[in-house]
Amino acid sequence: MVEFKREGDILITKHNDLTGQSVGDSPMITKRIPLTKLVEKYYSTDDEKAEVDNLANRLLTQQQYDAKLKAASNK
């Protein structure tokens, strides 16, 4: 499981570190990353900007995600 959340200029990620015998036994790791560091690392060349923008454009809003989840559960 991976979660992303933005609080002001900080991106908070939460993910399983996969060190246990199973996903359920592995601890969750929370990281707080300043957006400026992400921009410096992944958004400086035109190719990087294009890749990040392409990925960002495919992200769903919460409303879109909920609708997709609801549609899938009705099948």
PDB file of N, CA and C in Angstrom:
ATOM      1  N   MET A   1       0.846  -1.169   0.000  1.00  0.00           N
ATOM      2  CA  MET A   1       0.000   0.000   0.000  1.00  0.00           C
ATOM      3  C   MET A   1       0.896   1.238   0.000  1.00  0.00           C
ATOM      4  N   VAL A   2       0.512   2.191  -0.812  1.00  0.00           N
ATOM      5  CA  VAL A   2       1.225   3.464  -0.860  1.00  0.00           C
ATOM      6  C   VAL A   2       0.190   4.573  -0.750  1.00  0.00           C
ATOM      7  N   GLU A   3       0.454   5.517   0.116  1.00  0.00           N
ATOM      8  CA  GLU A   3      -0.423   6.676   0.267  1.00  0.00           C
ATOM      9  C   GLU A   3       0.398   7.932   0.058  1.00  0.00           C
ATOM     10  N   PHE A   4      -0.220   8.928  -0.561  1.00  0.00           N
ATOM     11  CA  PHE A   4       0.406  10.228  -0.753  1.00  0.00           C
ATOM     12  C   PHE A   4      -0.535  11.291  -0.229  1.00  0.00           C
ATOM     13  N   LYS A   5       0.015  12.288   0.397  1.00  0.00           N
ATOM     14  CA  LYS A   5      -0.792  13.380   0.930  1.00  0.00           C
ATOM     15  C   LYS A   5       0.070  14.639   0.917  1.00  0.00           C
ATOM     16  N   ARG A   6      -0.529  15.731   0.554  1.00  0.00           N
ATOM     17  CA  ARG A   6       0.202  17.000   0.553  1.00  0.00           C
ATOM     18  C   ARG A   6      -0.304  17.878   1.680  1.00  0.00           C
ATOM     19  N   GLU A   7       0.629  18.400   2.456  1.00  0.00           N
ATOM     20  CA  GLU A   7       0.316  19.362   3.508  1.00  0.00           C
ATOM     21  C   GLU A   7       1.185  20.591   3.258  1.00  0.00           C
ATOM     22  N   GLY A   8       0.587  21.615   2.682  1.00  0.00           N
ATOM     23  CA  GLY A   8       1.350  22.813   2.347  1.00  0.00           C
ATOM     24  C   GLY A   8       2.435  22.481   1.344  1.00  0.00           C
ATOM     25  N   ASP A   9       3.678  22.768   1.691  1.00  0.00           N
ATOM     26  CA  ASP A   9       4.803  22.507   0.797  1.00  0.00           C
ATOM     27  C   ASP A   9       5.525  21.200   1.121  1.00  0.00           C
ATOM     28  N   ILE A  10       4.843  20.299   1.801  1.00  0.00           N
ATOM     29  CA  ILE A  10       5.423  19.011   2.180  1.00  0.00           C
ATOM     30  C   ILE A  10       4.589  17.884   1.568  1.00  0.00           C
ATOM     31  N   LEU A  11       5.263  16.909   0.956  1.00  0.00           N
ATOM     32  CA  LEU A  11       4.601  15.711   0.478  1.00  0.00           C
ATOM     33  C   LEU A  11       4.839  14.626   1.519  1.00  0.00           C
ATOM     34  N   ILE A  12       3.770  14.012   1.965  1.00  0.00           N
ATOM     35  CA  ILE A  12       3.867  12.943   2.954  1.00  0.00           C
ATOM     36  C   ILE A  12       3.551  11.640   2.236  1.00  0.00           C
ATOM     37  N   THR A  13       4.485  10.700   2.311  1.00  0.00           N
ATOM     38  CA  THR A  13       4.260   9.382   1.714  1.00  0.00           C
ATOM     39  C   THR A  13       4.249   8.348   2.824  1.00  0.00           C
ATOM     40  N   LYS A  14       3.450   7.334   2.622  1.00  0.00           N
ATOM     41  CA  LYS A  14       3.374   6.238   3.582  1.00  0.00           C
ATOM     42  C   LYS A  14       3.353   4.951   2.766  1.00  0.00           C
ATOM     43  N   HIS A  15       4.295   4.050   3.081  1.00  0.00           N
ATOM     44  CA  HIS A  15       4.369   2.799   2.336  1.00  0.00           C
ATOM     45  C   HIS A  15       4.891   1.677   3.227  1.00  0.00           C
ATOM     46  N   ASN A  16       4.625   0.474   2.792  1.00  0.00           N
ATOM     47  CA  ASN A  16       5.077  -0.705   3.509  1.00  0.00           C
ATOM     48  C   ASN A  16       6.536  -0.947   3.166  1.00  0.00           C
ATOM     49  N   ASP A  17       7.382  -1.217   4.159  1.00  0.00           N
ATOM     50  CA  ASP A  17       8.814  -1.392   3.869  1.00  0.00           C
ATOM     51  C   ASP A  17       9.179  -2.822   3.461  1.00  0.00           C
ATOM     52  N   LEU A  18       8.222  -3.743   3.496  1.00  0.00           N
ATOM     53  CA  LEU A  18       8.385  -5.111   3.007  1.00  0.00           C
ATOM     54  C   LEU A  18       9.535  -5.870   3.664  1.00  0.00           C
ATOM     55  N   THR A  19       9.776  -5.626   4.942  1.00  0.00           N
ATOM     56  CA  THR A  19      10.846  -6.334   5.647  1.00  0.00           C
ATOM     57  C   THR A  19      10.337  -7.538   6.429  1.00  0.00           C
ATOM     58  N   GLY A  20       9.030  -7.656   6.567  1.00  0.00           N
ATOM     59  CA  GLY A  20       8.474  -8.771   7.334  1.00  0.00           C
ATOM     60  C   GLY A  20       8.287 -10.013   6.492  1.00  0.00           C
ATOM     61  N   GLN A  21       7.725 -11.044   7.100  1.00  0.00           N
ATOM     62  CA  GLN A  21       7.448 -12.298   6.398  1.00  0.00           C
ATOM     63  C   GLN A  21       6.375 -12.113   5.332  1.00  0.00           C
ATOM     64  N   SER A  22       5.524 -11.112   5.545  1.00  0.00           N
ATOM     65  CA  SER A  22       4.467 -10.805   4.588  1.00  0.00           C
ATOM     66  C   SER A  22       4.205  -9.305   4.638  1.00  0.00           C
ATOM     67  N   VAL A  23       3.382  -8.834   3.733  1.00  0.00           N
ATOM     68  CA  VAL A  23       3.032  -7.409   3.731  1.00  0.00           C
ATOM     69  C   VAL A  23       2.373  -7.033   5.051  1.00  0.00           C
ATOM     70  N   GLY A  24       1.514  -7.908   5.554  1.00  0.00           N
ATOM     71  CA  GLY A  24       0.824  -7.637   6.810  1.00  0.00           C
ATOM     72  C   GLY A  24       1.754  -7.559   8.007  1.00  0.00           C
ATOM     73  N   ASP A  25       2.881  -8.249   7.937  1.00  0.00           N
ATOM     74  CA  ASP A  25       3.849  -8.242   9.037  1.00  0.00           C
ATOM     75  C   ASP A  25       4.883  -7.130   8.923  1.00  0.00           C
ATOM     76  N   SER A  26       4.914  -6.438   7.808  1.00  0.00           N
ATOM     77  CA  SER A  26       5.915  -5.402   7.585  1.00  0.00           C
ATOM     78  C   SER A  26       5.411  -4.046   8.064  1.00  0.00           C
ATOM     79  N   PRO A  27       6.294  -3.248   8.668  1.00  0.00           N
ATOM     80  CA  PRO A  27       5.866  -1.942   9.174  1.00  0.00           C
ATOM     81  C   PRO A  27       5.646  -0.925   8.052  1.00  0.00           C
ATOM     82  N   MET A  28       4.818   0.050   8.363  1.00  0.00           N
ATOM     83  CA  MET A  28       4.592   1.163   7.442  1.00  0.00           C
ATOM     84  C   MET A  28       5.627   2.245   7.738  1.00  0.00           C
ATOM     85  N   ILE A  29       6.163   2.837   6.690  1.00  0.00           N
ATOM     86  CA  ILE A  29       7.155   3.903   6.796  1.00  0.00           C
ATOM     87  C   ILE A  29       6.510   5.198   6.316  1.00  0.00           C
ATOM     88  N   THR A  30       6.637   6.248   7.092  1.00  0.00           N
ATOM     89  CA  THR A  30       6.131   7.563   6.699  1.00  0.00           C
ATOM     90  C   THR A  30       7.311   8.483   6.448  1.00  0.00           C
ATOM     91  N   LYS A  31       7.278   9.162   5.289  1.00  0.00           N
ATOM     92  CA  LYS A  31       8.336  10.112   4.943  1.00  0.00           C
ATOM     93  C   LYS A  31       7.705  11.464   4.647  1.00  0.00           C
ATOM     94  N   ARG A  32       8.382  12.506   5.061  1.00  0.00           N
ATOM     95  CA  ARG A  32       7.955  13.879   4.794  1.00  0.00           C
ATOM     96  C   ARG A  32       9.022  14.518   3.916  1.00  0.00           C
ATOM     97  N   ILE A  33       8.640  14.904   2.696  1.00  0.00           N
ATOM     98  CA  ILE A  33       9.596  15.411   1.728  1.00  0.00           C
ATOM     99  C   ILE A  33       9.168  16.802   1.260  1.00  0.00           C
ATOM    100  N   PRO A  34      10.045  17.801   1.408  1.00  0.00           N
ATOM    101  CA  PRO A  34       9.703  19.130   0.894  1.00  0.00           C
ATOM    102  C   PRO A  34       9.550  19.086  -0.627  1.00  0.00           C
ATOM    103  N   LEU A  35       8.524  19.743  -1.132  1.00  0.00           N
ATOM    104  CA  LEU A  35       8.294  19.762  -2.573  1.00  0.00           C
ATOM    105  C   LEU A  35       9.480  20.357  -3.325  1.00  0.00           C
ATOM    106  N   THR A  36      10.174  21.302  -2.719  1.00  0.00           N
ATOM    107  CA  THR A  36      11.327  21.908  -3.396  1.00  0.00           C
ATOM    108  C   THR A  36      12.404  20.868  -3.684  1.00  0.00           C
ATOM    109  N   LYS A  37      12.588  19.913  -2.779  1.00  0.00           N
ATOM    110  CA  LYS A  37      13.575  18.849  -3.007  1.00  0.00           C
ATOM    111  C   LYS A  37      13.142  17.946  -4.162  1.00  0.00           C
ATOM    112  N   LEU A  38      11.854  17.651  -4.252  1.00  0.00           N
ATOM    113  CA  LEU A  38      11.363  16.833  -5.351  1.00  0.00           C
ATOM    114  C   LEU A  38      11.525  17.551  -6.686  1.00  0.00           C
ATOM    115  N   VAL A  39      11.231  18.839  -6.690  1.00  0.00           N
ATOM    116  CA  VAL A  39      11.382  19.626  -7.915  1.00  0.00           C
ATOM    117  C   VAL A  39      12.841  19.646  -8.353  1.00  0.00           C
ATOM    118  N   GLU A  40      13.745  19.878  -7.409  1.00  0.00           N
ATOM    119  CA  GLU A  40      15.176  19.897  -7.732  1.00  0.00           C
ATOM    120  C   GLU A  40      15.646  18.559  -8.293  1.00  0.00           C
ATOM    121  N   LYS A  41      15.149  17.472  -7.733  1.00  0.00           N
ATOM    122  CA  LYS A  41      15.628  16.145  -8.116  1.00  0.00           C
ATOM    123  C   LYS A  41      14.968  15.599  -9.373  1.00  0.00           C
ATOM    124  N   TYR A  42      13.664  15.847  -9.564  1.00  0.00           N
ATOM    125  CA  TYR A  42      12.923  15.189 -10.637  1.00  0.00           C
ATOM    126  C   TYR A  42      12.302  16.116 -11.669  1.00  0.00           C
ATOM    127  N   TYR A  43      12.504  17.404 -11.565  1.00  0.00           N
ATOM    128  CA  TYR A  43      11.771  18.323 -12.430  1.00  0.00           C
ATOM    129  C   TYR A  43      12.676  19.455 -12.888  1.00  0.00           C
ATOM    130  N   SER A  44      13.843  19.100 -13.428  1.00  0.00           N
ATOM    131  CA  SER A  44      14.750  20.162 -13.838  1.00  0.00           C
ATOM    132  C   SER A  44      14.998  20.186 -15.338  1.00  0.00           C
ATOM    133  N   THR A  45      15.022  19.049 -16.026  1.00  0.00           N
ATOM    134  CA  THR A  45      15.220  19.051 -17.481  1.00  0.00           C
ATOM    135  C   THR A  45      13.864  18.980 -18.176  1.00  0.00           C
ATOM    136  N   ASP A  46      13.845  19.292 -19.448  1.00  0.00           N
ATOM    137  CA  ASP A  46      12.589  19.228 -20.204  1.00  0.00           C
ATOM    138  C   ASP A  46      12.040  17.803 -20.252  1.00  0.00           C
ATOM    139  N   ASP A  47      12.935  16.810 -20.380  1.00  0.00           N
ATOM    140  CA  ASP A  47      12.475  15.415 -20.398  1.00  0.00           C
ATOM    141  C   ASP A  47      11.855  15.022 -19.060  1.00  0.00           C
ATOM    142  N   GLU A  48      12.477  15.447 -17.966  1.00  0.00           N
ATOM    143  CA  GLU A  48      11.923  15.148 -16.642  1.00  0.00           C
ATOM    144  C   GLU A  48      10.581  15.845 -16.446  1.00  0.00           C
ATOM    145  N   LYS A  49      10.495  17.088 -16.884  1.00  0.00           N
ATOM    146  CA  LYS A  49       9.225  17.814 -16.755  1.00  0.00           C
ATOM    147  C   LYS A  49       8.125  17.113 -17.545  1.00  0.00           C
ATOM    148  N   ALA A  50       8.446  16.661 -18.753  1.00  0.00           N
ATOM    149  CA  ALA A  50       7.459  15.965 -19.581  1.00  0.00           C
ATOM    150  C   ALA A  50       7.010  14.669 -18.911  1.00  0.00           C
ATOM    151  N   GLU A  51       7.956  13.920 -18.348  1.00  0.00           N
ATOM    152  CA  GLU A  51       7.608  12.661 -17.689  1.00  0.00           C
ATOM    153  C   GLU A  51       6.744  12.895 -16.453  1.00  0.00           C
ATOM    154  N   VAL A  52       7.133  13.842 -15.620  1.00  0.00           N
ATOM    155  CA  VAL A  52       6.360  14.140 -14.408  1.00  0.00           C
ATOM    156  C   VAL A  52       4.978  14.662 -14.780  1.00  0.00           C
ATOM    157  N   ASP A  53       4.910  15.561 -15.757  1.00  0.00           N
ATOM    158  CA  ASP A  53       3.610  16.094 -16.171  1.00  0.00           C
ATOM    159  C   ASP A  53       2.717  14.994 -16.734  1.00  0.00           C
ATOM    160  N   ASN A  54       3.289  14.069 -17.491  1.00  0.00           N
ATOM    161  CA  ASN A  54       2.521  12.952 -18.039  1.00  0.00           C
ATOM    162  C   ASN A  54       1.955  12.094 -16.915  1.00  0.00           C
ATOM    163  N   LEU A  55       2.779  11.769 -15.933  1.00  0.00           N
ATOM    164  CA  LEU A  55       2.304  10.971 -14.797  1.00  0.00           C
ATOM    165  C   LEU A  55       1.251  11.725 -13.991  1.00  0.00           C
ATOM    166  N   ALA A  56       1.486  13.004 -13.754  1.00  0.00           N
ATOM    167  CA  ALA A  56       0.544  13.805 -12.964  1.00  0.00           C
ATOM    168  C   ALA A  56      -0.806  13.919 -13.664  1.00  0.00           C
ATOM    169  N   ASN A  57      -0.796  14.001 -14.975  1.00  0.00           N
ATOM    170  CA  ASN A  57      -2.046  14.114 -15.723  1.00  0.00           C
ATOM    171  C   ASN A  57      -2.872  12.837 -15.663  1.00  0.00           C
ATOM    172  N   ARG A  58      -2.243  11.715 -15.325  1.00  0.00           N
ATOM    173  CA  ARG A  58      -2.963  10.445 -15.225  1.00  0.00           C
ATOM    174  C   ARG A  58      -3.496  10.193 -13.819  1.00  0.00           C
ATOM    175  N   LEU A  59      -3.116  11.026 -12.852  1.00  0.00           N
ATOM    176  CA  LEU A  59      -3.626  10.855 -11.488  1.00  0.00           C
ATOM    177  C   LEU A  59      -5.105  11.199 -11.437  1.00  0.00           C
ATOM    178  N   LEU A  60      -5.823  10.465 -10.641  1.00  0.00           N
ATOM    179  CA  LEU A  60      -7.252  10.701 -10.479  1.00  0.00           C
ATOM    180  C   LEU A  60      -7.502  11.602  -9.279  1.00  0.00           C
ATOM    181  N   THR A  61      -8.523  12.429  -9.376  1.00  0.00           N
ATOM    182  CA  THR A  61      -8.971  13.166  -8.199  1.00  0.00           C
ATOM    183  C   THR A  61      -9.662  12.175  -7.272  1.00  0.00           C
ATOM    184  N   GLN A  62      -9.904  12.560  -6.043  1.00  0.00           N
ATOM    185  CA  GLN A  62     -10.601  11.666  -5.108  1.00  0.00           C
ATOM    186  C   GLN A  62     -11.971  11.307  -5.651  1.00  0.00           C
ATOM    187  N   GLN A  63     -12.657  12.266  -6.258  1.00  0.00           N
ATOM    188  CA  GLN A  63     -13.989  12.023  -6.805  1.00  0.00           C
ATOM    189  C   GLN A  63     -13.919  11.016  -7.973  1.00  0.00           C
ATOM    190  N   GLN A  64     -12.933  11.170  -8.855  1.00  0.00           N
ATOM    191  CA  GLN A  64     -12.771  10.228  -9.965  1.00  0.00           C
ATOM    192  C   GLN A  64     -12.433   8.832  -9.447  1.00  0.00           C
ATOM    193  N   TYR A  65     -11.559   8.768  -8.455  1.00  0.00           N
ATOM    194  CA  TYR A  65     -11.171   7.477  -7.876  1.00  0.00           C
ATOM    195  C   TYR A  65     -12.380   6.787  -7.245  1.00  0.00           C
ATOM    196  N   ASP A  66     -13.166   7.534  -6.477  1.00  0.00           N
ATOM    197  CA  ASP A  66     -14.345   6.966  -5.832  1.00  0.00           C
ATOM    198  C   ASP A  66     -15.334   6.441  -6.869  1.00  0.00           C
ATOM    199  N   ALA A  67     -15.529   7.199  -7.956  1.00  0.00           N
ATOM    200  CA  ALA A  67     -16.449   6.772  -9.006  1.00  0.00           C
ATOM    201  C   ALA A  67     -15.937   5.503  -9.694  1.00  0.00           C
ATOM    202  N   LYS A  68     -14.642   5.444  -9.946  1.00  0.00           N
ATOM    203  CA  LYS A  68     -14.059   4.252 -10.574  1.00  0.00           C
ATOM    204  C   LYS A  68     -14.190   3.046  -9.655  1.00  0.00           C
ATOM    205  N   LEU A  69     -13.962   3.233  -8.381  1.00  0.00           N
ATOM    206  CA  LEU A  69     -14.087   2.155  -7.403  1.00  0.00           C
ATOM    207  C   LEU A  69     -15.539   1.675  -7.315  1.00  0.00           C
ATOM    208  N   LYS A  70     -16.464   2.607  -7.321  1.00  0.00           N
ATOM    209  CA  LYS A  70     -17.882   2.260  -7.245  1.00  0.00           C
ATOM    210  C   LYS A  70     -18.300   1.481  -8.493  1.00  0.00           C
ATOM    211  N   ALA A  71     -17.847   1.942  -9.662  1.00  0.00           N
ATOM    212  CA  ALA A  71     -18.187   1.254 -10.906  1.00  0.00           C
ATOM    213  C   ALA A  71     -17.629  -0.167 -10.927  1.00  0.00           C
ATOM    214  N   ALA A  72     -16.421  -0.343 -10.420  1.00  0.00           N
ATOM    215  CA  ALA A  72     -15.800  -1.657 -10.398  1.00  0.00           C
ATOM    216  C   ALA A  72     -16.531  -2.602  -9.434  1.00  0.00           C
ATOM    217  N   SER A  73     -17.038  -2.066  -8.342  1.00  0.00           N
ATOM    218  CA  SER A  73     -17.724  -2.914  -7.365  1.00  0.00           C
ATOM    219  C   SER A  73     -19.121  -3.291  -7.837  1.00  0.00           C
ATOM    220  N   ASN A  74     -19.666  -2.565  -8.809  1.00  0.00           N
ATOM    221  CA  ASN A  74     -21.002  -2.872  -9.334  1.00  0.00           C
ATOM    222  C   ASN A  74     -20.966  -3.914 -10.431  1.00  0.00           C
ATOM    223  N   LYS A  75     -19.795  -4.371 -10.825  1.00  0.00           N
ATOM    224  CA  LYS A  75     -19.698  -5.355 -11.904  1.00  0.00           C
ATOM    225  C   LYS A  75     -20.017  -6.732 -11.410  1.00  0.00           C
TER     226      LYS A  75
END
